[in-house]
Amino acid sequence: LVQAGGSLRLSCAVSGRTFSSVAMGWF
């Protein structure tokens, strides 16, 4: 929860396959 004008940073940890070759998106 954040007030309007504030900031957050989302994280997504990936495992199971080679990370350098993955294309990532946010929806």
mmCIF file of all heavy atoms, coordinates in Angstrom:
data_MODEL
# 
_entry.id   MODEL 
# 
loop_
_atom_site.group_PDB 
_atom_site.id 
_atom_site.type_symbol 
_atom_site.label_atom_id 
_atom_site.label_alt_id 
_atom_site.label_comp_id 
_atom_site.label_asym_id 
_atom_site.label_entity_id 
_atom_site.label_seq_id 
_atom_site.pdbx_PDB_ins_code 
_atom_site.Cartn_x 
_atom_site.Cartn_y 
_atom_site.Cartn_z 
_atom_site.occupancy 
_atom_site.B_iso_or_equiv 
_atom_site.pdbx_formal_charge 
_atom_site.auth_seq_id 
_atom_site.auth_comp_id 
_atom_site.auth_asym_id 
_atom_site.auth_atom_id 
_atom_site.pdbx_PDB_model_num 
ATOM 1   N N   . LEU A 1 1  ? 0.843  -1.186  0.000   1.00 0.00 ? 1  LEU A N   1 
ATOM 2   C CA  . LEU A 1 1  ? 0.000  0.000   0.000   1.00 0.00 ? 1  LEU A CA  1 
ATOM 3   C C   . LEU A 1 1  ? 0.881  1.239   0.000   1.00 0.00 ? 1  LEU A C   1 
ATOM 4   O O   . LEU A 1 1  ? 1.806  1.348   0.807   1.00 0.00 ? 1  LEU A O   1 
ATOM 5   C CB  . LEU A 1 1  ? -0.907 0.002   1.227   1.00 0.00 ? 1  LEU A CB  1 
ATOM 6   C CG  . LEU A 1 1  ? -1.783 1.226   1.455   1.00 0.00 ? 1  LEU A CG  1 
ATOM 7   C CD1 . LEU A 1 1  ? -2.803 1.374   0.340   1.00 0.00 ? 1  LEU A CD1 1 
ATOM 8   C CD2 . LEU A 1 1  ? -2.466 1.129   2.814   1.00 0.00 ? 1  LEU A CD2 1 
ATOM 9   N N   . VAL A 1 2  ? 0.580  2.168   -0.893  1.00 0.00 ? 2  VAL A N   1 
ATOM 10  C CA  . VAL A 1 2  ? 1.374  3.384   -1.002  1.00 0.00 ? 2  VAL A CA  1 
ATOM 11  C C   . VAL A 1 2  ? 0.455  4.545   -1.358  1.00 0.00 ? 2  VAL A C   1 
ATOM 12  O O   . VAL A 1 2  ? -0.566 4.361   -2.030  1.00 0.00 ? 2  VAL A O   1 
ATOM 13  C CB  . VAL A 1 2  ? 2.489  3.218   -2.059  1.00 0.00 ? 2  VAL A CB  1 
ATOM 14  C CG1 . VAL A 1 2  ? 1.895  2.993   -3.441  1.00 0.00 ? 2  VAL A CG1 1 
ATOM 15  C CG2 . VAL A 1 2  ? 3.434  4.400   -2.062  1.00 0.00 ? 2  VAL A CG2 1 
ATOM 16  N N   . GLN A 1 3  ? 0.797  5.735   -0.898  1.00 0.00 ? 3  GLN A N   1 
ATOM 17  C CA  . GLN A 1 3  ? 0.032  6.921   -1.247  1.00 0.00 ? 3  GLN A CA  1 
ATOM 18  C C   . GLN A 1 3  ? 0.358  7.379   -2.660  1.00 0.00 ? 3  GLN A C   1 
ATOM 19  O O   . GLN A 1 3  ? 1.449  7.116   -3.178  1.00 0.00 ? 3  GLN A O   1 
ATOM 20  C CB  . GLN A 1 3  ? 0.316  8.061   -0.269  1.00 0.00 ? 3  GLN A CB  1 
ATOM 21  C CG  . GLN A 1 3  ? -0.183 7.825   1.136   1.00 0.00 ? 3  GLN A CG  1 
ATOM 22  C CD  . GLN A 1 3  ? -0.051 9.054   2.004   1.00 0.00 ? 3  GLN A CD  1 
ATOM 23  O OE1 . GLN A 1 3  ? -0.389 10.174  1.573   1.00 0.00 ? 3  GLN A OE1 1 
ATOM 24  N NE2 . GLN A 1 3  ? 0.418  8.870   3.213   1.00 0.00 ? 3  GLN A NE2 1 
ATOM 25  N N   . ALA A 1 4  ? -0.585 8.043   -3.277  1.00 0.00 ? 4  ALA A N   1 
ATOM 26  C CA  . ALA A 1 4  ? -0.352 8.606   -4.602  1.00 0.00 ? 4  ALA A CA  1 
ATOM 27  C C   . ALA A 1 4  ? 0.895  9.481   -4.589  1.00 0.00 ? 4  ALA A C   1 
ATOM 28  O O   . ALA A 1 4  ? 1.108  10.272  -3.671  1.00 0.00 ? 4  ALA A O   1 
ATOM 29  C CB  . ALA A 1 4  ? -1.562 9.404   -5.064  1.00 0.00 ? 4  ALA A CB  1 
ATOM 30  N N   . GLY A 1 5  ? 1.715  9.313   -5.613  1.00 0.00 ? 5  GLY A N   1 
ATOM 31  C CA  . GLY A 1 5  ? 2.980  10.017  -5.699  1.00 0.00 ? 5  GLY A CA  1 
ATOM 32  C C   . GLY A 1 5  ? 4.160  9.236   -5.153  1.00 0.00 ? 5  GLY A C   1 
ATOM 33  O O   . GLY A 1 5  ? 5.309  9.630   -5.377  1.00 0.00 ? 5  GLY A O   1 
ATOM 34  N N   . GLY A 1 6  ? 3.896  8.135   -4.471  1.00 0.00 ? 6  GLY A N   1 
ATOM 35  C CA  . GLY A 1 6  ? 4.947  7.331   -3.885  1.00 0.00 ? 6  GLY A CA  1 
ATOM 36  C C   . GLY A 1 6  ? 5.542  6.334   -4.860  1.00 0.00 ? 6  GLY A C   1 
ATOM 37  O O   . GLY A 1 6  ? 5.199  6.303   -6.044  1.00 0.00 ? 6  GLY A O   1 
ATOM 38  N N   . SER A 1 7  ? 6.433  5.483   -4.334  1.00 0.00 ? 7  SER A N   1 
ATOM 39  C CA  . SER A 1 7  ? 7.165  4.532   -5.155  1.00 0.00 ? 7  SER A CA  1 
ATOM 40  C C   . SER A 1 7  ? 7.167  3.148   -4.530  1.00 0.00 ? 7  SER A C   1 
ATOM 41  O O   . SER A 1 7  ? 7.085  2.998   -3.307  1.00 0.00 ? 7  SER A O   1 
ATOM 42  C CB  . SER A 1 7  ? 8.624  4.981   -5.331  1.00 0.00 ? 7  SER A CB  1 
ATOM 43  O OG  . SER A 1 7  ? 8.710  6.229   -5.994  1.00 0.00 ? 7  SER A OG  1 
ATOM 44  N N   . LEU A 1 8  ? 7.263  2.146   -5.375  1.00 0.00 ? 8  LEU A N   1 
ATOM 45  C CA  . LEU A 1 8  ? 7.473  0.766   -4.977  1.00 0.00 ? 8  LEU A CA  1 
ATOM 46  C C   . LEU A 1 8  ? 8.402  0.106   -5.982  1.00 0.00 ? 8  LEU A C   1 
ATOM 47  O O   . LEU A 1 8  ? 8.474  0.528   -7.137  1.00 0.00 ? 8  LEU A O   1 
ATOM 48  C CB  . LEU A 1 8  ? 6.152  -0.013  -4.937  1.00 0.00 ? 8  LEU A CB  1 
ATOM 49  C CG  . LEU A 1 8  ? 5.171  0.255   -3.805  1.00 0.00 ? 8  LEU A CG  1 
ATOM 50  C CD1 . LEU A 1 8  ? 3.861  -0.485  -4.080  1.00 0.00 ? 8  LEU A CD1 1 
ATOM 51  C CD2 . LEU A 1 8  ? 5.746  -0.170  -2.468  1.00 0.00 ? 8  LEU A CD2 1 
ATOM 52  N N   . ARG A 1 9  ? 9.093  -0.938  -5.535  1.00 0.00 ? 9  ARG A N   1 
ATOM 53  C CA  . ARG A 1 9  ? 9.877  -1.760  -6.441  1.00 0.00 ? 9  ARG A CA  1 
ATOM 54  C C   . ARG A 1 9  ? 9.440  -3.205  -6.301  1.00 0.00 ? 9  ARG A C   1 
ATOM 55  O O   . ARG A 1 9  ? 9.553  -3.799  -5.228  1.00 0.00 ? 9  ARG A O   1 
ATOM 56  C CB  . ARG A 1 9  ? 11.379 -1.642  -6.173  1.00 0.00 ? 9  ARG A CB  1 
ATOM 57  C CG  . ARG A 1 9  ? 12.214 -2.335  -7.256  1.00 0.00 ? 9  ARG A CG  1 
ATOM 58  C CD  . ARG A 1 9  ? 13.704 -2.237  -7.019  1.00 0.00 ? 9  ARG A CD  1 
ATOM 59  N NE  . ARG A 1 9  ? 14.141 -3.093  -5.927  1.00 0.00 ? 9  ARG A NE  1 
ATOM 60  C CZ  . ARG A 1 9  ? 15.399 -3.471  -5.730  1.00 0.00 ? 9  ARG A CZ  1 
ATOM 61  N NH1 . ARG A 1 9  ? 16.350 -3.052  -6.561  1.00 0.00 ? 9  ARG A NH1 1 
ATOM 62  N NH2 . ARG A 1 9  ? 15.712 -4.231  -4.705  1.00 0.00 ? 9  ARG A NH2 1 
ATOM 63  N N   . LEU A 1 10 ? 8.952  -3.771  -7.389  1.00 0.00 ? 10 LEU A N   1 
ATOM 64  C CA  . LEU A 1 10 ? 8.571  -5.167  -7.429  1.00 0.00 ? 10 LEU A CA  1 
ATOM 65  C C   . LEU A 1 10 ? 9.759  -6.021  -7.859  1.00 0.00 ? 10 LEU A C   1 
ATOM 66  O O   . LEU A 1 10 ? 10.572 -5.594  -8.672  1.00 0.00 ? 10 LEU A O   1 
ATOM 67  C CB  . LEU A 1 10 ? 7.412  -5.390  -8.393  1.00 0.00 ? 10 LEU A CB  1 
ATOM 68  C CG  . LEU A 1 10 ? 6.170  -4.523  -8.189  1.00 0.00 ? 10 LEU A CG  1 
ATOM 69  C CD1 . LEU A 1 10 ? 5.088  -4.931  -9.184  1.00 0.00 ? 10 LEU A CD1 1 
ATOM 70  C CD2 . LEU A 1 10 ? 5.662  -4.618  -6.761  1.00 0.00 ? 10 LEU A CD2 1 
ATOM 71  N N   . SER A 1 11 ? 9.841  -7.229  -7.316  1.00 0.00 ? 11 SER A N   1 
ATOM 72  C CA  . SER A 1 11 ? 10.893 -8.170  -7.662  1.00 0.00 ? 11 SER A CA  1 
ATOM 73  C C   . SER A 1 11 ? 10.280 -9.466  -8.157  1.00 0.00 ? 11 SER A C   1 
ATOM 74  O O   . SER A 1 11 ? 9.197  -9.866  -7.725  1.00 0.00 ? 11 SER A O   1 
ATOM 75  C CB  . SER A 1 11 ? 11.784 -8.474  -6.453  1.00 0.00 ? 11 SER A CB  1 
ATOM 76  O OG  . SER A 1 11 ? 12.414 -7.308  -5.968  1.00 0.00 ? 11 SER A OG  1 
ATOM 77  N N   . CYS A 1 12 ? 10.990 -10.134 -9.051  1.00 0.00 ? 12 CYS A N   1 
ATOM 78  C CA  . CYS A 1 12 ? 10.568 -11.435 -9.557  1.00 0.00 ? 12 CYS A CA  1 
ATOM 79  C C   . CYS A 1 12 ? 11.801 -12.306 -9.701  1.00 0.00 ? 12 CYS A C   1 
ATOM 80  O O   . CYS A 1 12 ? 12.633 -12.062 -10.584 1.00 0.00 ? 12 CYS A O   1 
ATOM 81  C CB  . CYS A 1 12 ? 9.838  -11.279 -10.887 1.00 0.00 ? 12 CYS A CB  1 
ATOM 82  S SG  . CYS A 1 12 ? 9.253  -12.827 -11.610 1.00 0.00 ? 12 CYS A SG  1 
ATOM 83  N N   . ALA A 1 13 ? 11.921 -13.300 -8.844  1.00 0.00 ? 13 ALA A N   1 
ATOM 84  C CA  . ALA A 1 13 ? 13.052 -14.224 -8.870  1.00 0.00 ? 13 ALA A CA  1 
ATOM 85  C C   . ALA A 1 13 ? 12.721 -15.410 -9.766  1.00 0.00 ? 13 ALA A C   1 
ATOM 86  O O   . ALA A 1 13 ? 11.673 -16.038 -9.617  1.00 0.00 ? 13 ALA A O   1 
ATOM 87  C CB  . ALA A 1 13 ? 13.386 -14.698 -7.459  1.00 0.00 ? 13 ALA A CB  1 
ATOM 88  N N   . VAL A 1 14 ? 13.630 -15.718 -10.672 1.00 0.00 ? 14 VAL A N   1 
ATOM 89  C CA  . VAL A 1 14 ? 13.417 -16.753 -11.680 1.00 0.00 ? 14 VAL A CA  1 
ATOM 90  C C   . VAL A 1 14 ? 14.357 -17.918 -11.424 1.00 0.00 ? 14 VAL A C   1 
ATOM 91  O O   . VAL A 1 14 ? 15.550 -17.726 -11.203 1.00 0.00 ? 14 VAL A O   1 
ATOM 92  C CB  . VAL A 1 14 ? 13.651 -16.187 -13.093 1.00 0.00 ? 14 VAL A CB  1 
ATOM 93  C CG1 . VAL A 1 14 ? 13.427 -17.265 -14.143 1.00 0.00 ? 14 VAL A CG1 1 
ATOM 94  C CG2 . VAL A 1 14 ? 12.751 -14.989 -13.338 1.00 0.00 ? 14 VAL A CG2 1 
ATOM 95  N N   . SER A 1 15 ? 13.829 -19.123 -11.475 1.00 0.00 ? 15 SER A N   1 
ATOM 96  C CA  . SER A 1 15 ? 14.645 -20.318 -11.319 1.00 0.00 ? 15 SER A CA  1 
ATOM 97  C C   . SER A 1 15 ? 14.174 -21.398 -12.279 1.00 0.00 ? 15 SER A C   1 
ATOM 98  O O   . SER A 1 15 ? 13.044 -21.362 -12.770 1.00 0.00 ? 15 SER A O   1 
ATOM 99  C CB  . SER A 1 15 ? 14.599 -20.840 -9.880  1.00 0.00 ? 15 SER A CB  1 
ATOM 100 O OG  . SER A 1 15 ? 13.285 -21.223 -9.516  1.00 0.00 ? 15 SER A OG  1 
ATOM 101 N N   . GLY A 1 16 ? 15.050 -22.347 -12.555 1.00 0.00 ? 16 GLY A N   1 
ATOM 102 C CA  . GLY A 1 16 ? 14.689 -23.510 -13.344 1.00 0.00 ? 16 GLY A CA  1 
ATOM 103 C C   . GLY A 1 16 ? 15.238 -23.540 -14.753 1.00 0.00 ? 16 GLY A C   1 
ATOM 104 O O   . GLY A 1 16 ? 15.313 -24.620 -15.349 1.00 0.00 ? 16 GLY A O   1 
ATOM 105 N N   . ARG A 1 17 ? 15.608 -22.392 -15.314 1.00 0.00 ? 17 ARG A N   1 
ATOM 106 C CA  . ARG A 1 17 ? 16.185 -22.320 -16.654 1.00 0.00 ? 17 ARG A CA  1 
ATOM 107 C C   . ARG A 1 17 ? 17.201 -21.195 -16.711 1.00 0.00 ? 17 ARG A C   1 
ATOM 108 O O   . ARG A 1 17 ? 17.259 -20.357 -15.804 1.00 0.00 ? 17 ARG A O   1 
ATOM 109 C CB  . ARG A 1 17 ? 15.108 -22.133 -17.720 1.00 0.00 ? 17 ARG A CB  1 
ATOM 110 C CG  . ARG A 1 17 ? 14.185 -23.330 -17.893 1.00 0.00 ? 17 ARG A CG  1 
ATOM 111 C CD  . ARG A 1 17 ? 13.252 -23.178 -19.072 1.00 0.00 ? 17 ARG A CD  1 
ATOM 112 N NE  . ARG A 1 17 ? 13.964 -23.195 -20.338 1.00 0.00 ? 17 ARG A NE  1 
ATOM 113 C CZ  . ARG A 1 17 ? 13.377 -23.184 -21.530 1.00 0.00 ? 17 ARG A CZ  1 
ATOM 114 N NH1 . ARG A 1 17 ? 12.048 -23.162 -21.606 1.00 0.00 ? 17 ARG A NH1 1 
ATOM 115 N NH2 . ARG A 1 17 ? 14.104 -23.189 -22.641 1.00 0.00 ? 17 ARG A NH2 1 
ATOM 116 N N   . THR A 1 18 ? 17.954 -21.177 -17.790 1.00 0.00 ? 18 THR A N   1 
ATOM 117 C CA  . THR A 1 18 ? 19.006 -20.180 -17.960 1.00 0.00 ? 18 THR A CA  1 
ATOM 118 C C   . THR A 1 18 ? 18.426 -18.778 -17.944 1.00 0.00 ? 18 THR A C   1 
ATOM 119 O O   . THR A 1 18 ? 17.604 -18.421 -18.798 1.00 0.00 ? 18 THR A O   1 
ATOM 120 C CB  . THR A 1 18 ? 19.763 -20.419 -19.265 1.00 0.00 ? 18 THR A CB  1 
ATOM 121 O OG1 . THR A 1 18 ? 20.288 -21.742 -19.272 1.00 0.00 ? 18 THR A OG1 1 
ATOM 122 C CG2 . THR A 1 18 ? 20.901 -19.422 -19.410 1.00 0.00 ? 18 THR A CG2 1 
ATOM 123 N N   . PHE A 1 19 ? 18.859 -17.967 -16.975 1.00 0.00 ? 19 PHE A N   1 
ATOM 124 C CA  . PHE A 1 19 ? 18.259 -16.660 -16.778 1.00 0.00 ? 19 PHE A CA  1 
ATOM 125 C C   . PHE A 1 19 ? 18.643 -15.677 -17.872 1.00 0.00 ? 19 PHE A C   1 
ATOM 126 O O   . PHE A 1 19 ? 17.824 -14.845 -18.281 1.00 0.00 ? 19 PHE A O   1 
ATOM 127 C CB  . PHE A 1 19 ? 18.657 -16.101 -15.411 1.00 0.00 ? 19 PHE A CB  1 
ATOM 128 C CG  . PHE A 1 19 ? 18.044 -14.768 -15.106 1.00 0.00 ? 19 PHE A CG  1 
ATOM 129 C CD1 . PHE A 1 19 ? 16.713 -14.673 -14.742 1.00 0.00 ? 19 PHE A CD1 1 
ATOM 130 C CD2 . PHE A 1 19 ? 18.795 -13.603 -15.193 1.00 0.00 ? 19 PHE A CD2 1 
ATOM 131 C CE1 . PHE A 1 19 ? 16.131 -13.444 -14.463 1.00 0.00 ? 19 PHE A CE1 1 
ATOM 132 C CE2 . PHE A 1 19 ? 18.228 -12.374 -14.909 1.00 0.00 ? 19 PHE A CE2 1 
ATOM 133 C CZ  . PHE A 1 19 ? 16.893 -12.294 -14.547 1.00 0.00 ? 19 PHE A CZ  1 
ATOM 134 N N   . SER A 1 20 ? 19.864 -15.754 -18.360 1.00 0.00 ? 20 SER A N   1 
ATOM 135 C CA  . SER A 1 20 ? 20.339 -14.757 -19.317 1.00 0.00 ? 20 SER A CA  1 
ATOM 136 C C   . SER A 1 20 ? 19.569 -14.784 -20.631 1.00 0.00 ? 20 SER A C   1 
ATOM 137 O O   . SER A 1 20 ? 19.576 -13.792 -21.367 1.00 0.00 ? 20 SER A O   1 
ATOM 138 C CB  . SER A 1 20 ? 21.828 -14.950 -19.589 1.00 0.00 ? 20 SER A CB  1 
ATOM 139 O OG  . SER A 1 20 ? 22.082 -16.224 -20.147 1.00 0.00 ? 20 SER A OG  1 
ATOM 140 N N   . SER A 1 21 ? 18.899 -15.871 -20.929 1.00 0.00 ? 21 SER A N   1 
ATOM 141 C CA  . SER A 1 21 ? 18.192 -16.005 -22.193 1.00 0.00 ? 21 SER A CA  1 
ATOM 142 C C   . SER A 1 21 ? 16.689 -15.770 -22.084 1.00 0.00 ? 21 SER A C   1 
ATOM 143 O O   . SER A 1 21 ? 15.973 -15.917 -23.076 1.00 0.00 ? 21 SER A O   1 
ATOM 144 C CB  . SER A 1 21 ? 18.447 -17.378 -22.810 1.00 0.00 ? 21 SER A CB  1 
ATOM 145 O OG  . SER A 1 21 ? 17.995 -18.414 -21.968 1.00 0.00 ? 21 SER A OG  1 
ATOM 146 N N   . VAL A 1 22 ? 16.202 -15.393 -20.907 1.00 0.00 ? 22 VAL A N   1 
ATOM 147 C CA  . VAL A 1 22 ? 14.766 -15.226 -20.727 1.00 0.00 ? 22 VAL A CA  1 
ATOM 148 C C   . VAL A 1 22 ? 14.347 -13.787 -21.026 1.00 0.00 ? 22 VAL A C   1 
ATOM 149 O O   . VAL A 1 22 ? 15.043 -12.839 -20.662 1.00 0.00 ? 22 VAL A O   1 
ATOM 150 C CB  . VAL A 1 22 ? 14.327 -15.630 -19.300 1.00 0.00 ? 22 VAL A CB  1 
ATOM 151 C CG1 . VAL A 1 22 ? 14.859 -14.653 -18.250 1.00 0.00 ? 22 VAL A CG1 1 
ATOM 152 C CG2 . VAL A 1 22 ? 12.810 -15.724 -19.215 1.00 0.00 ? 22 VAL A CG2 1 
ATOM 153 N N   . ALA A 1 23 ? 13.222 -13.656 -21.706 1.00 0.00 ? 23 ALA A N   1 
ATOM 154 C CA  . ALA A 1 23 ? 12.575 -12.364 -21.885 1.00 0.00 ? 23 ALA A CA  1 
ATOM 155 C C   . ALA A 1 23 ? 11.493 -12.233 -20.824 1.00 0.00 ? 23 ALA A C   1 
ATOM 156 O O   . ALA A 1 23 ? 10.684 -13.146 -20.640 1.00 0.00 ? 23 ALA A O   1 
ATOM 157 C CB  . ALA A 1 23 ? 11.972 -12.259 -23.281 1.00 0.00 ? 23 ALA A CB  1 
ATOM 158 N N   . MET A 1 24 ? 11.474 -11.104 -20.123 1.00 0.00 ? 24 MET A N   1 
ATOM 159 C CA  . MET A 1 24 ? 10.565 -10.907 -19.006 1.00 0.00 ? 24 MET A CA  1 
ATOM 160 C C   . MET A 1 24 ? 9.613  -9.750  -19.274 1.00 0.00 ? 24 MET A C   1 
ATOM 161 O O   . MET A 1 24 ? 10.008 -8.724  -19.837 1.00 0.00 ? 24 MET A O   1 
ATOM 162 C CB  . MET A 1 24 ? 11.334 -10.620 -17.723 1.00 0.00 ? 24 MET A CB  1 
ATOM 163 C CG  . MET A 1 24 ? 12.248 -11.747 -17.280 1.00 0.00 ? 24 MET A CG  1 
ATOM 164 S SD  . MET A 1 24 ? 11.336 -13.236 -16.756 1.00 0.00 ? 24 MET A SD  1 
ATOM 165 C CE  . MET A 1 24 ? 10.367 -12.583 -15.387 1.00 0.00 ? 24 MET A CE  1 
ATOM 166 N N   . GLY A 1 25 ? 8.385  -9.933  -18.845 1.00 0.00 ? 25 GLY A N   1 
ATOM 167 C CA  . GLY A 1 25 ? 7.389  -8.886  -18.942 1.00 0.00 ? 25 GLY A CA  1 
ATOM 168 C C   . GLY A 1 25 ? 6.678  -8.687  -17.624 1.00 0.00 ? 25 GLY A C   1 
ATOM 169 O O   . GLY A 1 25 ? 6.689  -9.561  -16.749 1.00 0.00 ? 25 GLY A O   1 
ATOM 170 N N   . TRP A 1 26 ? 6.071  -7.517  -17.486 1.00 0.00 ? 26 TRP A N   1 
ATOM 171 C CA  . TRP A 1 26 ? 5.216  -7.203  -16.351 1.00 0.00 ? 26 TRP A CA  1 
ATOM 172 C C   . TRP A 1 26 ? 3.828  -6.870  -16.873 1.00 0.00 ? 26 TRP A C   1 
ATOM 173 O O   . TRP A 1 26 ? 3.679  -6.081  -17.817 1.00 0.00 ? 26 TRP A O   1 
ATOM 174 C CB  . TRP A 1 26 ? 5.765  -6.028  -15.538 1.00 0.00 ? 26 TRP A CB  1 
ATOM 175 C CG  . TRP A 1 26 ? 7.023  -6.349  -14.786 1.00 0.00 ? 26 TRP A CG  1 
ATOM 176 C CD1 . TRP A 1 26 ? 8.300  -6.155  -15.189 1.00 0.00 ? 26 TRP A CD1 1 
ATOM 177 C CD2 . TRP A 1 26 ? 7.090  -6.924  -13.475 1.00 0.00 ? 26 TRP A CD2 1 
ATOM 178 N NE1 . TRP A 1 26 ? 9.174  -6.568  -14.221 1.00 0.00 ? 26 TRP A NE1 1 
ATOM 179 C CE2 . TRP A 1 26 ? 8.462  -7.047  -13.158 1.00 0.00 ? 26 TRP A CE2 1 
ATOM 180 C CE3 . TRP A 1 26 ? 6.141  -7.343  -12.542 1.00 0.00 ? 26 TRP A CE3 1 
ATOM 181 C CZ2 . TRP A 1 26 ? 8.903  -7.573  -11.945 1.00 0.00 ? 26 TRP A CZ2 1 
ATOM 182 C CZ3 . TRP A 1 26 ? 6.578  -7.868  -11.341 1.00 0.00 ? 26 TRP A CZ3 1 
ATOM 183 C CH2 . TRP A 1 26 ? 7.944  -7.977  -11.054 1.00 0.00 ? 26 TRP A CH2 1 
ATOM 184 N N   . PHE A 1 27 ? 2.829  -7.462  -16.257 1.00 0.00 ? 27 PHE A N   1 
ATOM 185 C CA  . PHE A 1 27 ? 1.428  -7.236  -16.584 1.00 0.00 ? 27 PHE A CA  1 
ATOM 186 C C   . PHE A 1 27 ? 0.678  -6.894  -15.305 1.00 0.00 ? 27 PHE A C   1 
ATOM 187 O O   . PHE A 1 27 ? 1.151  -7.165  -14.210 1.00 0.00 ? 27 PHE A O   1 
ATOM 188 C CB  . PHE A 1 27 ? 0.814  -8.476  -17.236 1.00 0.00 ? 27 PHE A CB  1 
ATOM 189 C CG  . PHE A 1 27 ? 1.416  -8.840  -18.567 1.00 0.00 ? 27 PHE A CG  1 
ATOM 190 C CD1 . PHE A 1 27 ? 2.654  -9.453  -18.647 1.00 0.00 ? 27 PHE A CD1 1 
ATOM 191 C CD2 . PHE A 1 27 ? 0.737  -8.568  -19.743 1.00 0.00 ? 27 PHE A CD2 1 
ATOM 192 C CE1 . PHE A 1 27 ? 3.212  -9.789  -19.865 1.00 0.00 ? 27 PHE A CE1 1 
ATOM 193 C CE2 . PHE A 1 27 ? 1.279  -8.901  -20.978 1.00 0.00 ? 27 PHE A CE2 1 
ATOM 194 C CZ  . PHE A 1 27 ? 2.520  -9.510  -21.034 1.00 0.00 ? 27 PHE A CZ  1 
# 
